[in-house]
Amino acid sequence: MSNLYVLYEHAAGFSLFSVKEFEEVSMFLPQVESSVTDLAKFNSIVKLAGFAPFKTAIAALENINAISEGIVPQDLLSFLDDFFAKLKKKKCTLGIADAKLGAAITEAIGVQCSHFGVVPEILRGVRFHFAKLVKGFTDKSAGVAQLGLGHSYSRAKVKFNVHRSDNMIIQSIALLDQLDKDVNTFSMRIREWYSYHFPELVKIVPDNYMFAKAAKFIKDRKNLTQDQLEDLEKIVMDSAKAQAIIDAAKMSMGMDISIVDLMNIELFAERVVKLSEYRKKLSTYLHNKMNLVAPNLQSLIGDQVGARLISHAGSLTNLAKYPASTVQILGAEKALFRALKTRSNTPKYGLIYHSSFIGRAGLKNKGRISRFLANKCSIASRIDCFLEQPTSVFGETLKQQVEDRLKFYESGDVPRKNIEVMKEAIEAAGQEAAVTAQSEKKKKKKKRAADDEGETNGASNGNGAAAEAENGNGNDDGEPKKKKKKKNKNKEAVEA
């Protein structure tokens, strides 16, 4: 007959509970379920056998992190080892909530673990009555311990990491897409609005950003003179266009508008210009973030397509977990389910369609190159996610492989094998890491040398000041201080 002990991990520490008449209890599982909420009935079955409290909050956090990953922490291992060593050769079973942790405990100390049958119900009862089963505990103190550890655990899980801030990429690409729509809509509005006054400007300056800047600069076309040619040339970046604008302003068929209308048009044009400039800054920010978080994916497929893949997957980790077939049709879910429902052809590509590789491929080879590109995107995202030191070597290598595959489809040139290319990429990445490490060491040496020089200079200045103080004795006049005569205390006492 084996004895059942149940392990319960609380925020205050690890506890072991012994279950009386384990085999009989397991036969009456419905009765156990009903008696879990009744403390008197539950207390007759379950008793506290051992308790190991955490010494500090940091120790509690370390233990709970290890348990969440299925690793047996050292504190738990020593607690279980000491407890089961006292029982000697008695046959025991340890009830546990997590099967992965149970397997690790069995491997470490050789105790048989169970996570099914009556164990979940007993653990539910222990969780419900824990404050009353352990002496010195109250519901309030148990709740405070759980709340504190819960905050620490959650804070550690969502801790900000500069090199893995894919949330910033998700927000940036969403804002970039929204800005594209807004800038296009506003540009159409400013073109239509200002064309009432100066309709010829649309044909001369077709670019939206330049049109908004030109409209803001010109304002009333009647006031445009030849003296403003240089300023206008800076805006449109073409002397011929600038001259054409001045000539068209003199012979324009547009209507005259009031000063108030022109002021509103100018304010709106200024807003469109600022939005366009902010869009450029945001694009640069996204480029820098992608270079930090996913340099290989960026090198392979570009900033915006790579960022859209990460955004659609939810995170870089999620994207790395996806198989290549999922990456291929990521963004075409509606078309996929429609095709499955109607039993028609499934889509060949999703978001990766915006890549230049698929546009350059022939009509027959678009599906093949999209499958190959999705495979390489999957590899690049995994490298970016799990590589400790970010590098773009692998992304450039994968991009060259896609280029070679395109040439193979067009001309029939057989590309190199993947294993050879990857070996070269690994060697190149190793060399790059070595160079980076050497440069960092040199920087540290220079910094130490500069700090040492600063300390020596400071020390010499201090010694000089001390010497000056000794020579001058601290007097402004430079005269030495007179030494005070020491009085003989014994002589004074005799005289008294």
Protein backbone atom coordinates (compact mmCIF):
# COMPACT_ATOMS: atom_id res chain seq x y z
CA MET A 1 0.00 0.00 0.00
CA SER A 2 1.55 3.34 -1.10
CA ASN A 3 1.24 6.61 0.80
CA LEU A 4 0.10 9.68 -1.13
CA TYR A 5 1.69 13.06 -0.48
CA VAL A 6 0.53 16.16 -2.33
CA LEU A 7 2.91 19.01 -3.18
CA TYR A 8 1.40 22.49 -3.16
CA GLU A 9 3.42 25.53 -4.26
CA HIS A 10 2.25 28.65 -2.43
CA ALA A 11 3.61 32.20 -2.57
CA ALA A 12 4.86 31.72 1.01
CA GLY A 13 6.68 28.42 0.41
CA PHE A 14 6.45 24.75 -0.51
CA SER A 15 4.12 22.50 1.48
CA LEU A 16 3.53 18.73 1.54
CA PHE A 17 0.21 17.24 2.63
CA SER A 18 -0.39 13.59 3.48
CA VAL A 19 -3.62 11.98 2.25
CA LYS A 20 -5.13 9.33 4.56
CA GLU A 21 -6.46 6.10 3.06
CA PHE A 22 -5.43 7.08 -0.42
CA GLU A 23 -6.80 4.00 -2.21
CA GLU A 24 -10.20 4.25 -0.50
CA VAL A 25 -10.40 7.98 -1.22
CA SER A 26 -9.65 7.46 -4.91
CA MET A 27 -12.59 5.03 -5.15
CA PHE A 28 -15.01 7.70 -3.92
CA LEU A 29 -14.02 10.58 -6.19
CA PRO A 30 -17.53 12.18 -6.36
CA GLN A 31 -17.67 12.27 -2.54
CA VAL A 32 -14.23 13.91 -2.44
CA GLU A 33 -15.39 16.54 -4.93
CA SER A 34 -18.40 17.39 -2.77
CA SER A 35 -16.41 17.50 0.51
CA VAL A 36 -13.64 19.79 -0.79
CA THR A 37 -15.43 22.95 0.37
CA ASP A 38 -16.20 21.49 3.83
CA LEU A 39 -13.15 22.05 6.08
CA ALA A 40 -14.16 19.47 8.72
CA LYS A 41 -14.53 16.66 6.17
CA PHE A 42 -11.46 17.74 4.20
CA ASN A 43 -9.32 18.02 7.35
CA SER A 44 -10.08 14.40 8.22
CA ILE A 45 -8.51 13.28 4.93
CA VAL A 46 -5.62 15.75 4.43
CA LYS A 47 -2.97 16.76 7.01
CA LEU A 48 0.07 19.02 6.73
CA ALA A 49 3.23 16.89 6.63
CA GLY A 50 5.92 19.49 5.87
CA PHE A 51 6.36 23.18 5.07
CA ALA A 52 9.41 25.03 3.70
CA PRO A 53 8.87 28.81 3.68
CA PHE A 54 10.74 31.13 1.31
CA LYS A 55 13.38 33.25 3.04
CA THR A 56 13.05 36.32 0.80
CA ALA A 57 10.78 37.65 -1.93
CA ILE A 58 13.64 37.26 -4.45
CA ALA A 59 13.94 33.57 -3.57
CA ALA A 60 10.17 33.15 -4.05
CA LEU A 61 10.36 34.77 -7.50
CA GLU A 62 13.31 32.59 -8.56
CA ASN A 63 11.50 29.43 -7.44
CA ILE A 64 8.22 30.31 -9.17
CA ASN A 65 10.08 31.17 -12.40
CA ALA A 66 11.80 27.78 -12.35
CA ILE A 67 8.54 25.92 -11.66
CA SER A 68 6.72 27.75 -14.47
CA GLU A 69 9.37 26.44 -16.88
CA GLY A 70 9.14 22.86 -15.54
CA ILE A 71 12.53 23.01 -13.77
CA VAL A 72 12.96 21.75 -10.19
CA PRO A 73 14.48 24.59 -8.10
CA GLN A 74 17.23 23.77 -5.63
CA ASP A 75 15.10 24.76 -2.60
CA LEU A 76 12.32 22.36 -3.62
CA LEU A 77 14.81 19.60 -4.41
CA SER A 78 16.48 19.81 -0.97
CA PHE A 79 13.07 20.00 0.76
CA LEU A 80 11.72 16.88 -0.98
CA ASP A 81 15.00 15.00 -0.63
CA ASP A 82 15.13 15.61 3.14
CA PHE A 83 11.45 14.74 3.59
CA PHE A 84 11.46 11.46 1.65
CA ALA A 85 14.83 10.45 3.16
CA LYS A 86 13.12 10.33 6.58
CA LEU A 87 10.48 7.92 5.25
CA LYS A 88 13.31 5.55 4.25
CA LYS A 89 11.99 2.65 2.17
CA LYS A 90 8.26 3.30 2.41
CA LYS A 91 6.47 3.25 -0.92
CA CYS A 92 5.28 6.80 -1.64
CA THR A 93 3.52 8.65 -4.43
CA LEU A 94 3.79 12.41 -4.86
CA GLY A 95 0.73 14.21 -6.21
CA ILE A 96 1.57 17.24 -8.31
CA ALA A 97 -0.28 19.73 -10.53
CA ASP A 98 2.21 19.96 -13.43
CA ALA A 99 3.17 16.77 -15.28
CA LYS A 100 6.37 18.34 -16.63
CA LEU A 101 7.54 19.25 -13.12
CA GLY A 102 6.56 15.77 -11.91
CA ALA A 103 8.79 14.15 -14.53
CA ALA A 104 11.71 16.37 -13.47
CA ILE A 105 11.18 15.46 -9.77
CA THR A 106 11.03 11.73 -10.59
CA GLU A 107 14.26 12.01 -12.55
CA ALA A 108 15.98 13.98 -9.74
CA ILE A 109 15.04 12.05 -6.57
CA GLY A 110 13.33 8.91 -7.89
CA VAL A 111 9.88 9.47 -6.31
CA GLN A 112 6.88 8.41 -8.40
CA CYS A 113 4.68 11.40 -9.27
CA SER A 114 0.99 11.54 -10.25
CA HIS A 115 -1.10 14.40 -11.62
CA PHE A 116 -4.44 12.68 -12.31
CA GLY A 117 -7.19 10.85 -10.44
CA VAL A 118 -7.96 12.29 -7.02
CA VAL A 119 -4.88 14.59 -6.97
CA PRO A 120 -6.47 17.62 -8.76
CA GLU A 121 -9.44 17.62 -6.35
CA ILE A 122 -7.19 17.40 -3.29
CA LEU A 123 -5.06 20.25 -4.63
CA ARG A 124 -8.23 22.27 -5.16
CA GLY A 125 -9.18 21.71 -1.54
CA VAL A 126 -5.68 22.59 -0.31
CA ARG A 127 -5.79 25.82 -2.32
CA PHE A 128 -9.20 26.63 -0.84
CA HIS A 129 -8.29 25.90 2.83
CA PHE A 130 -4.53 26.61 2.79
CA ALA A 131 -4.62 29.45 5.35
CA LYS A 132 -6.42 27.17 7.85
CA LEU A 133 -4.32 24.06 7.22
CA VAL A 134 -1.01 25.80 8.05
CA LYS A 135 -0.56 27.19 11.56
CA GLY A 136 0.22 30.88 11.86
CA PHE A 137 -1.41 31.73 8.56
CA THR A 138 -4.53 33.80 7.93
CA ASP A 139 -6.49 34.53 4.78
CA LYS A 140 -5.13 38.06 4.82
CA SER A 141 -1.44 37.10 5.11
CA ALA A 142 -1.80 34.40 2.42
CA GLY A 143 -3.50 36.91 0.12
CA VAL A 144 -0.77 39.52 0.66
CA ALA A 145 1.95 36.96 -0.16
CA GLN A 146 0.13 35.85 -3.31
CA LEU A 147 -0.46 39.44 -4.44
CA GLY A 148 3.18 40.44 -3.93
CA LEU A 149 4.55 37.41 -5.75
CA GLY A 150 1.98 37.81 -8.53
CA HIS A 151 3.09 41.39 -9.16
CA SER A 152 6.79 40.42 -9.14
CA TYR A 153 6.20 37.45 -11.46
CA SER A 154 4.13 39.50 -13.92
CA ARG A 155 6.67 42.35 -13.88
CA ALA A 156 9.49 39.91 -14.64
CA LYS A 157 7.54 38.37 -17.51
CA VAL A 158 6.72 41.67 -19.21
CA LYS A 159 10.15 43.22 -18.49
CA PHE A 160 11.24 45.68 -21.19
CA ASN A 161 14.08 44.49 -23.41
CA VAL A 162 15.68 47.02 -25.76
CA HIS A 163 16.88 44.40 -28.24
CA ARG A 164 13.56 42.53 -28.43
CA SER A 165 11.04 45.38 -28.45
CA ASP A 166 8.85 44.00 -31.22
CA ASN A 167 5.83 45.78 -29.70
CA MET A 168 7.33 49.06 -30.93
CA ILE A 169 7.52 47.63 -34.45
CA ILE A 170 3.88 46.52 -34.32
CA GLN A 171 2.71 49.98 -33.24
CA SER A 172 5.00 51.75 -35.74
CA ILE A 173 3.82 49.79 -38.79
CA ALA A 174 0.17 50.26 -37.75
CA LEU A 175 0.71 54.01 -37.43
CA LEU A 176 2.64 54.09 -40.72
CA ASP A 177 -0.25 52.43 -42.58
CA GLN A 178 -2.73 54.83 -41.01
CA LEU A 179 -0.53 57.82 -41.92
CA ASP A 180 -0.31 56.64 -45.53
CA LYS A 181 -4.11 56.62 -45.78
CA ASP A 182 -4.48 60.00 -44.04
CA VAL A 183 -1.75 61.73 -46.05
CA ASN A 184 -3.24 60.45 -49.33
CA THR A 185 -6.75 61.60 -48.33
CA PHE A 186 -5.55 65.03 -47.17
CA SER A 187 -3.39 65.49 -50.28
CA MET A 188 -6.39 64.82 -52.51
CA ARG A 189 -8.37 67.36 -50.49
CA ILE A 190 -5.69 70.10 -50.71
CA ARG A 191 -5.29 69.53 -54.47
CA GLU A 192 -9.02 69.85 -55.05
CA TRP A 193 -9.37 72.81 -52.71
CA TYR A 194 -6.45 74.87 -54.06
CA SER A 195 -7.28 73.99 -57.69
CA TYR A 196 -10.27 76.35 -57.50
CA HIS A 197 -7.75 79.19 -57.28
CA PHE A 198 -4.79 77.79 -59.28
CA PRO A 199 -5.88 74.75 -61.38
CA GLU A 200 -2.70 74.68 -63.56
CA LEU A 201 -0.46 73.81 -60.57
CA VAL A 202 -1.74 70.19 -60.44
CA LYS A 203 -0.31 69.33 -63.86
CA ILE A 204 3.01 71.09 -63.24
CA VAL A 205 3.57 69.57 -59.75
CA PRO A 206 1.97 66.08 -59.64
CA ASP A 207 3.75 65.01 -56.40
CA ASN A 208 1.45 65.40 -53.37
CA TYR A 209 4.12 66.53 -50.90
CA MET A 210 5.62 69.11 -53.30
CA PHE A 211 2.14 70.35 -54.24
CA ALA A 212 1.27 71.01 -50.59
CA LYS A 213 4.59 72.86 -50.04
CA ALA A 214 4.10 74.88 -53.25
CA ALA A 215 0.52 75.81 -52.32
CA LYS A 216 1.69 76.93 -48.87
CA PHE A 217 4.46 79.07 -50.43
CA ILE A 218 2.46 80.61 -53.32
CA LYS A 219 -0.78 81.42 -51.46
CA ASP A 220 -2.34 84.04 -53.77
CA ARG A 221 -1.10 83.43 -57.34
CA LYS A 222 -1.42 87.14 -58.23
CA ASN A 223 1.35 88.01 -55.75
CA LEU A 224 3.80 85.50 -57.31
CA THR A 225 6.69 87.37 -58.99
CA GLN A 226 9.95 86.56 -60.75
CA ASP A 227 11.89 87.44 -57.58
CA GLN A 228 10.50 84.33 -55.89
CA LEU A 229 11.93 81.98 -58.53
CA GLU A 230 14.86 80.79 -56.39
CA ASP A 231 12.67 79.96 -53.37
CA LEU A 232 10.17 78.16 -55.60
CA GLU A 233 13.02 76.25 -57.25
CA LYS A 234 14.13 74.93 -53.83
CA ILE A 235 10.63 73.57 -53.22
CA VAL A 236 10.00 71.83 -56.57
CA MET A 237 13.71 70.91 -57.09
CA ASP A 238 13.57 71.96 -60.75
CA SER A 239 14.20 75.36 -62.31
CA ALA A 240 12.05 74.63 -65.38
CA LYS A 241 9.07 73.71 -63.21
CA ALA A 242 9.54 76.81 -61.07
CA GLN A 243 9.52 79.03 -64.16
CA ALA A 244 6.48 77.18 -65.54
CA ILE A 245 4.59 77.86 -62.27
CA ILE A 246 5.35 81.59 -62.46
CA ASP A 247 4.26 81.72 -66.11
CA ALA A 248 1.07 79.76 -65.40
CA ALA A 249 0.22 82.02 -62.44
CA LYS A 250 0.14 85.03 -64.74
CA MET A 251 -2.31 83.40 -67.19
CA SER A 252 -4.31 81.20 -64.78
CA MET A 253 -8.04 80.56 -65.31
CA GLY A 254 -8.67 80.01 -61.59
CA MET A 255 -11.21 81.96 -59.57
CA ASP A 256 -10.33 84.67 -57.09
CA ILE A 257 -10.80 83.73 -53.43
CA SER A 258 -10.87 85.75 -50.24
CA ILE A 259 -8.03 86.16 -47.75
CA VAL A 260 -9.84 84.05 -45.14
CA ASP A 261 -10.15 81.13 -47.59
CA LEU A 262 -6.47 81.44 -48.48
CA MET A 263 -5.54 81.39 -44.77
CA ASN A 264 -7.50 78.17 -44.26
CA ILE A 265 -5.90 76.58 -47.34
CA GLU A 266 -2.45 77.62 -46.06
CA LEU A 267 -3.09 76.11 -42.59
CA PHE A 268 -4.33 72.85 -44.11
CA ALA A 269 -1.35 72.69 -46.52
CA GLU A 270 1.00 73.21 -43.57
CA ARG A 271 -0.68 70.32 -41.72
CA VAL A 272 -0.28 68.03 -44.76
CA VAL A 273 3.42 68.97 -45.07
CA LYS A 274 4.06 68.25 -41.38
CA LEU A 275 2.26 64.90 -41.61
CA SER A 276 4.36 63.93 -44.63
CA GLU A 277 7.57 64.90 -42.84
CA TYR A 278 6.53 62.95 -39.74
CA ARG A 279 5.82 59.95 -41.96
CA LYS A 280 9.41 60.06 -43.20
CA LYS A 281 10.74 60.25 -39.63
CA LEU A 282 8.55 57.32 -38.60
CA SER A 283 9.84 55.30 -41.54
CA THR A 284 13.43 55.96 -40.40
CA TYR A 285 12.49 54.96 -36.83
CA LEU A 286 10.95 51.72 -38.10
CA HIS A 287 14.10 50.99 -40.12
CA ASN A 288 16.29 51.43 -37.03
CA LYS A 289 13.98 49.28 -34.87
CA MET A 290 13.90 46.49 -37.44
CA ASN A 291 17.69 46.65 -37.60
CA LEU A 292 17.80 46.08 -33.83
CA VAL A 293 15.03 43.50 -33.42
CA ALA A 294 14.96 41.53 -36.71
CA PRO A 295 18.01 42.41 -38.83
CA ASN A 296 17.92 39.18 -40.87
CA LEU A 297 14.23 39.48 -41.72
CA GLN A 298 14.83 43.12 -42.64
CA SER A 299 17.74 42.24 -44.95
CA LEU A 300 15.73 39.48 -46.60
CA ILE A 301 12.32 41.03 -47.22
CA GLY A 302 12.57 44.74 -46.28
CA ASP A 303 11.38 46.94 -43.43
CA GLN A 304 7.67 47.24 -44.10
CA VAL A 305 6.90 43.68 -45.22
CA GLY A 306 8.93 42.25 -42.32
CA ALA A 307 7.19 44.56 -39.85
CA ARG A 308 3.77 43.60 -41.23
CA LEU A 309 4.59 39.91 -40.79
CA ILE A 310 5.60 40.51 -37.15
CA SER A 311 2.49 42.64 -36.56
CA HIS A 312 0.15 40.06 -38.09
CA ALA A 313 1.73 37.22 -36.10
CA GLY A 314 1.48 39.23 -32.86
CA SER A 315 5.19 39.10 -31.99
CA LEU A 316 8.53 37.97 -33.36
CA THR A 317 8.36 34.86 -31.16
CA ASN A 318 4.98 33.88 -32.62
CA LEU A 319 6.30 34.41 -36.14
CA ALA A 320 9.31 32.23 -35.35
CA LYS A 321 7.00 29.44 -34.19
CA TYR A 322 4.99 29.43 -37.43
CA PRO A 323 5.86 26.89 -40.12
CA ALA A 324 6.82 28.21 -43.57
CA SER A 325 3.42 27.22 -45.01
CA THR A 326 1.68 29.52 -42.49
CA VAL A 327 4.12 32.39 -43.17
CA GLN A 328 3.40 32.00 -46.91
CA ILE A 329 -0.35 32.70 -46.57
CA LEU A 330 -0.13 35.01 -43.54
CA GLY A 331 -2.55 37.85 -44.26
CA ALA A 332 -4.71 35.85 -46.71
CA GLU A 333 -6.83 34.00 -44.14
CA LYS A 334 -10.17 35.09 -45.62
CA ALA A 335 -9.18 33.89 -49.09
CA LEU A 336 -7.90 30.60 -47.63
CA PHE A 337 -11.10 29.78 -45.73
CA ARG A 338 -13.24 30.86 -48.67
CA ALA A 339 -11.23 28.55 -50.93
CA LEU A 340 -11.60 25.66 -48.46
CA LYS A 341 -15.33 26.29 -48.19
CA THR A 342 -15.92 26.48 -51.94
CA ARG A 343 -13.27 23.80 -52.71
CA SER A 344 -11.44 26.12 -55.09
CA ASN A 345 -7.71 26.87 -55.37
CA THR A 346 -6.08 28.08 -52.17
CA PRO A 347 -4.10 31.37 -52.20
CA LYS A 348 -0.38 31.21 -53.07
CA TYR A 349 0.72 34.19 -50.97
CA GLY A 350 -0.39 36.69 -48.36
CA LEU A 351 1.62 39.62 -47.04
CA ILE A 352 4.83 38.44 -48.75
CA TYR A 353 3.20 39.32 -52.11
CA HIS A 354 4.42 42.90 -51.52
CA SER A 355 8.02 41.68 -51.68
CA SER A 356 9.97 42.59 -54.82
CA PHE A 357 10.92 38.94 -55.42
CA ILE A 358 7.38 37.85 -56.25
CA GLY A 359 6.85 40.88 -58.51
CA ARG A 360 10.01 39.99 -60.47
CA ALA A 361 9.08 36.32 -60.87
CA GLY A 362 7.20 35.09 -63.93
CA LEU A 363 3.52 34.22 -63.77
CA LYS A 364 4.21 30.47 -63.67
CA ASN A 365 6.86 30.81 -60.97
CA LYS A 366 5.08 33.16 -58.54
CA GLY A 367 3.74 30.31 -56.40
CA ARG A 368 7.10 28.52 -56.35
CA ILE A 369 9.11 31.61 -55.41
CA SER A 370 6.56 32.56 -52.73
CA ARG A 371 6.94 29.10 -51.15
CA PHE A 372 10.74 29.40 -51.26
CA LEU A 373 10.65 32.96 -49.88
CA ALA A 374 8.33 31.93 -47.02
CA ASN A 375 10.78 29.17 -46.11
CA LYS A 376 13.64 31.68 -45.93
CA CYS A 377 11.50 34.18 -43.96
CA SER A 378 10.75 31.46 -41.41
CA ILE A 379 14.47 30.70 -41.02
CA ALA A 380 15.35 34.42 -40.72
CA SER A 381 12.69 35.06 -38.05
CA ARG A 382 13.92 32.10 -35.98
CA ILE A 383 17.51 33.29 -36.17
CA ASP A 384 16.44 36.80 -35.12
CA CYS A 385 14.33 35.48 -32.26
CA PHE A 386 16.81 33.07 -30.71
CA LEU A 387 20.23 34.55 -31.60
CA GLU A 388 21.79 36.36 -28.62
CA GLN A 389 23.90 38.81 -30.65
CA PRO A 390 21.88 40.31 -33.55
CA THR A 391 23.59 40.17 -36.96
CA SER A 392 22.38 40.65 -40.54
CA VAL A 393 24.82 38.15 -42.10
CA PHE A 394 22.25 35.37 -42.35
CA GLY A 395 19.61 37.67 -43.85
CA GLU A 396 21.95 38.80 -46.61
CA THR A 397 22.88 35.17 -47.33
CA LEU A 398 19.22 34.12 -47.48
CA LYS A 399 18.46 37.05 -49.80
CA GLN A 400 21.22 35.91 -52.15
CA GLN A 401 19.72 32.41 -52.12
CA VAL A 402 16.34 33.80 -53.23
CA GLU A 403 18.10 35.78 -55.98
CA ASP A 404 19.85 32.60 -57.14
CA ARG A 405 16.55 30.73 -57.15
CA LEU A 406 15.00 33.46 -59.33
CA LYS A 407 17.89 33.10 -61.78
CA PHE A 408 17.39 29.33 -61.75
CA TYR A 409 13.73 29.74 -62.76
CA GLU A 410 14.65 32.18 -65.53
CA SER A 411 17.89 30.78 -66.98
CA GLY A 412 18.28 27.31 -65.44
CA ASP A 413 21.53 28.05 -63.51
CA VAL A 414 21.67 25.54 -60.66
CA PRO A 415 22.04 27.34 -57.28
CA ARG A 416 24.41 26.25 -54.53
CA LYS A 417 23.29 23.82 -51.83
CA ASN A 418 21.78 25.29 -48.70
CA ILE A 419 24.19 23.49 -46.34
CA GLU A 420 27.25 25.03 -48.03
CA VAL A 421 25.78 28.53 -47.96
CA MET A 422 24.79 28.25 -44.29
CA LYS A 423 28.26 27.03 -43.28
CA GLU A 424 29.80 30.11 -44.90
CA ALA A 425 27.21 32.34 -43.19
CA ILE A 426 27.99 30.81 -39.77
CA GLU A 427 31.72 31.39 -40.31
CA ALA A 428 31.11 34.98 -41.39
CA ALA A 429 28.87 35.58 -38.35
CA GLY A 430 31.58 34.14 -36.07
CA GLN A 431 34.21 36.44 -37.58
CA GLU A 432 31.89 39.44 -37.19
CA ALA A 433 31.25 38.55 -33.55
CA ALA A 434 35.03 38.26 -32.93
CA VAL A 435 35.66 41.68 -34.50
CA THR A 436 32.86 43.20 -32.41
CA ALA A 437 34.28 41.66 -29.23
CA GLN A 438 37.76 43.02 -30.01
CA SER A 439 36.42 46.53 -30.67
CA GLU A 440 34.49 46.42 -27.38
CA LYS A 441 37.64 45.36 -25.52
CA LYS A 442 39.58 48.25 -27.08
CA LYS A 443 36.85 50.68 -26.05
CA LYS A 444 36.94 49.36 -22.48
CA LYS A 445 40.75 49.66 -22.37
CA LYS A 446 40.60 53.25 -23.64
CA LYS A 447 37.93 54.08 -21.07
CA ARG A 448 40.00 52.54 -18.25
CA ALA A 449 43.10 54.42 -19.41
CA ALA A 450 41.17 57.69 -19.49
CA ASP A 451 39.77 57.01 -16.00
CA ASP A 452 43.28 56.21 -14.67
CA GLU A 453 44.69 59.41 -16.19
CA GLY A 454 41.88 61.38 -14.59
CA GLU A 455 42.62 59.79 -11.19
CA THR A 456 46.37 60.47 -11.44
CA ASN A 457 45.78 64.07 -12.50
CA GLY A 458 43.38 64.52 -9.62
CA ALA A 459 45.88 63.01 -7.18
CA SER A 460 48.74 65.22 -8.46
CA ASN A 461 46.54 68.31 -8.18
CA GLY A 462 45.68 67.29 -4.63
CA ASN A 463 49.36 66.82 -3.73
CA GLY A 464 50.23 70.20 -5.26
CA ALA A 465 47.54 71.89 -3.24
CA ALA A 466 48.79 70.15 -0.11
CA ALA A 467 52.35 71.29 -0.84
CA GLU A 468 51.21 74.85 -1.38
CA ALA A 469 49.28 74.71 1.86
CA GLU A 470 52.38 73.47 3.68
CA ASN A 471 54.61 76.18 2.19
CA GLY A 472 52.14 78.97 2.72
CA ASN A 473 50.59 77.44 5.87
CA GLY A 474 47.22 78.50 4.57
CA ASN A 475 47.90 82.27 4.97
CA ASP A 476 46.96 84.64 2.21
CA ASP A 477 50.07 86.72 2.89
CA GLY A 478 52.38 83.74 2.49
CA GLU A 479 53.85 84.25 5.99
CA PRO A 480 54.39 81.15 8.14
CA LYS A 481 52.14 80.68 11.15
CA LYS A 482 53.68 80.93 14.57
CA LYS A 483 53.75 77.67 16.45
CA LYS A 484 51.78 77.65 19.68
CA LYS A 485 53.69 76.73 22.78
CA LYS A 486 52.45 73.63 24.55
CA LYS A 487 51.66 74.20 28.20
CA ASN A 488 52.95 71.79 30.74
CA LYS A 489 49.85 70.43 32.46
CA ASN A 490 51.84 68.96 35.37
CA LYS A 491 53.60 72.29 36.06
CA GLU A 492 50.25 74.08 36.12
CA ALA A 493 48.88 71.52 38.56
CA VAL A 494 51.88 72.00 40.94
CA GLU A 495 51.53 75.78 40.87
CA ALA A 496 47.82 75.43 41.65
